């Protein structure tokens, strides 16, 4: 998989960041969700899946489909 930077709201080059892939998917760099109550709300979690939290403002970097 190859990644290309789409956008970030970080001034320091860290979290949060959105990348596009050459597989027509996105990779999101954010803060790991570790809150037990939040994790309990998730459904159908498969082995190997993980979850990250990003601010709503970062969504502006996602391309709009036509």
C-alpha atoms as a PDB file:
ATOM      1  CA  UNK A   1       0.000   0.000   0.000  1.00  0.00           C
ATOM      2  CA  UNK A   2       1.205   3.502  -0.828  1.00  0.00           C
ATOM      3  CA  UNK A   3       0.078   6.578   1.139  1.00  0.00           C
ATOM      4  CA  UNK A   4      -0.216  10.209   0.120  1.00  0.00           C
ATOM      5  CA  UNK A   5      -0.828  13.048   2.540  1.00  0.00           C
ATOM      6  CA  UNK A   6      -4.289  14.575   2.133  1.00  0.00           C
ATOM      7  CA  UNK A   7      -4.301  16.983   5.055  1.00  0.00           C
ATOM      8  CA  UNK A   8      -3.536  17.687   8.667  1.00  0.00           C
ATOM      9  CA  UNK A   9      -4.611  20.132  11.336  1.00  0.00           C
ATOM     10  CA  UNK A  10      -1.416  19.621  13.304  1.00  0.00           C
ATOM     11  CA  UNK A  11       1.136  22.402  13.637  1.00  0.00           C
ATOM     12  CA  UNK A  12       3.821  20.009  14.831  1.00  0.00           C
ATOM     13  CA  UNK A  13       3.598  17.326  12.118  1.00  0.00           C
ATOM     14  CA  UNK A  14       1.872  14.760  14.336  1.00  0.00           C
ATOM     15  CA  UNK A  15      -1.755  13.847  14.933  1.00  0.00           C
ATOM     16  CA  UNK A  16      -4.290  14.189  13.430  1.00  0.00           C
ATOM     17  CA  UNK A  17      -3.623  13.496   9.761  1.00  0.00           C
ATOM     18  CA  UNK A  18      -5.513  11.932   6.836  1.00  0.00           C
ATOM     19  CA  UNK A  19      -3.838   9.948   4.076  1.00  0.00           C
ATOM     20  CA  UNK A  20      -5.222   8.534   0.834  1.00  0.00           C
ATOM     21  CA  UNK A  21      -4.072   5.147  -0.410  1.00  0.00           C
ATOM     22  CA  UNK A  22      -3.557   3.589  -3.796  1.00  0.00           C
ATOM     23  CA  UNK A  23      -6.363   1.177  -2.850  1.00  0.00           C
ATOM     24  CA  UNK A  24      -9.108   3.870  -2.818  1.00  0.00           C
ATOM     25  CA  UNK A  25      -9.166   3.901   0.989  1.00  0.00           C
ATOM     26  CA  UNK A  26      -8.068   6.300   3.719  1.00  0.00           C
ATOM     27  CA  UNK A  27      -5.655   5.940   6.619  1.00  0.00           C
ATOM     28  CA  UNK A  28      -6.326   8.183   9.599  1.00  0.00           C
ATOM     29  CA  UNK A  29      -3.672   9.127  12.126  1.00  0.00           C
ATOM     30  CA  UNK A  30      -5.283  10.132  15.409  1.00  0.00           C
ATOM     31  CA  UNK A  31      -5.524   9.379  19.090  1.00  0.00           C
ATOM     32  CA  UNK A  32      -6.080   5.740  20.062  1.00  0.00           C
ATOM     33  CA  UNK A  33      -9.533   5.077  21.461  1.00  0.00           C
ATOM     34  CA  UNK A  34      -8.930   3.367  24.794  1.00  0.00           C
ATOM     35  CA  UNK A  35     -11.976   4.439  26.833  1.00  0.00           C
ATOM     36  CA  UNK A  36     -13.701   1.202  27.934  1.00  0.00           C
ATOM     37  CA  UNK A  37     -17.195   2.714  27.603  1.00  0.00           C
ATOM     38  CA  UNK A  38     -16.481   3.922  24.059  1.00  0.00           C
ATOM     39  CA  UNK A  39     -15.014   0.555  23.079  1.00  0.00           C
ATOM     40  CA  UNK A  40     -18.078  -1.203  24.502  1.00  0.00           C
ATOM     41  CA  UNK A  41     -20.265   0.810  22.084  1.00  0.00           C
ATOM     42  CA  UNK A  42     -18.452  -0.580  19.025  1.00  0.00           C
ATOM     43  CA  UNK A  43     -20.030  -3.459  17.123  1.00  0.00           C
ATOM     44  CA  UNK A  44     -18.687  -6.300  15.030  1.00  0.00           C
ATOM     45  CA  UNK A  45     -15.021  -5.594  15.737  1.00  0.00           C
ATOM     46  CA  UNK A  46     -12.808  -8.024  13.870  1.00  0.00           C
ATOM     47  CA  UNK A  47      -9.350  -9.185  14.972  1.00  0.00           C
ATOM     48  CA  UNK A  48      -6.729  -6.709  13.830  1.00  0.00           C
ATOM     49  CA  UNK A  49      -9.106  -3.724  13.708  1.00  0.00           C
ATOM     50  CA  UNK A  50      -8.368  -0.608  15.713  1.00  0.00           C
ATOM     51  CA  UNK A  51      -9.995   2.781  16.167  1.00  0.00           C
ATOM     52  CA  UNK A  52      -8.676   6.323  16.236  1.00  0.00           C
ATOM     53  CA  UNK A  53     -10.348   9.594  17.130  1.00  0.00           C
ATOM     54  CA  UNK A  54      -9.997  12.725  14.993  1.00  0.00           C
ATOM     55  CA  UNK A  55     -11.538  16.194  15.303  1.00  0.00           C
ATOM     56  CA  UNK A  56     -14.492  17.051  13.043  1.00  0.00           C
ATOM     57  CA  UNK A  57     -12.418  19.823  11.460  1.00  0.00           C
ATOM     58  CA  UNK A  58     -10.144  17.245   9.836  1.00  0.00           C
ATOM     59  CA  UNK A  59     -12.989  15.953   7.644  1.00  0.00           C
ATOM     60  CA  UNK A  60     -12.600  19.053   5.461  1.00  0.00           C
ATOM     61  CA  UNK A  61      -9.544  17.357   3.960  1.00  0.00           C
ATOM     62  CA  UNK A  62     -11.525  14.371   2.652  1.00  0.00           C
ATOM     63  CA  UNK A  63     -12.172  14.700  -1.096  1.00  0.00           C
ATOM     64  CA  UNK A  64     -15.757  15.285  -2.121  1.00  0.00           C
ATOM     65  CA  UNK A  65     -16.986  12.592  -4.497  1.00  0.00           C
ATOM     66  CA  UNK A  66     -18.721  13.853  -7.634  1.00  0.00           C
END
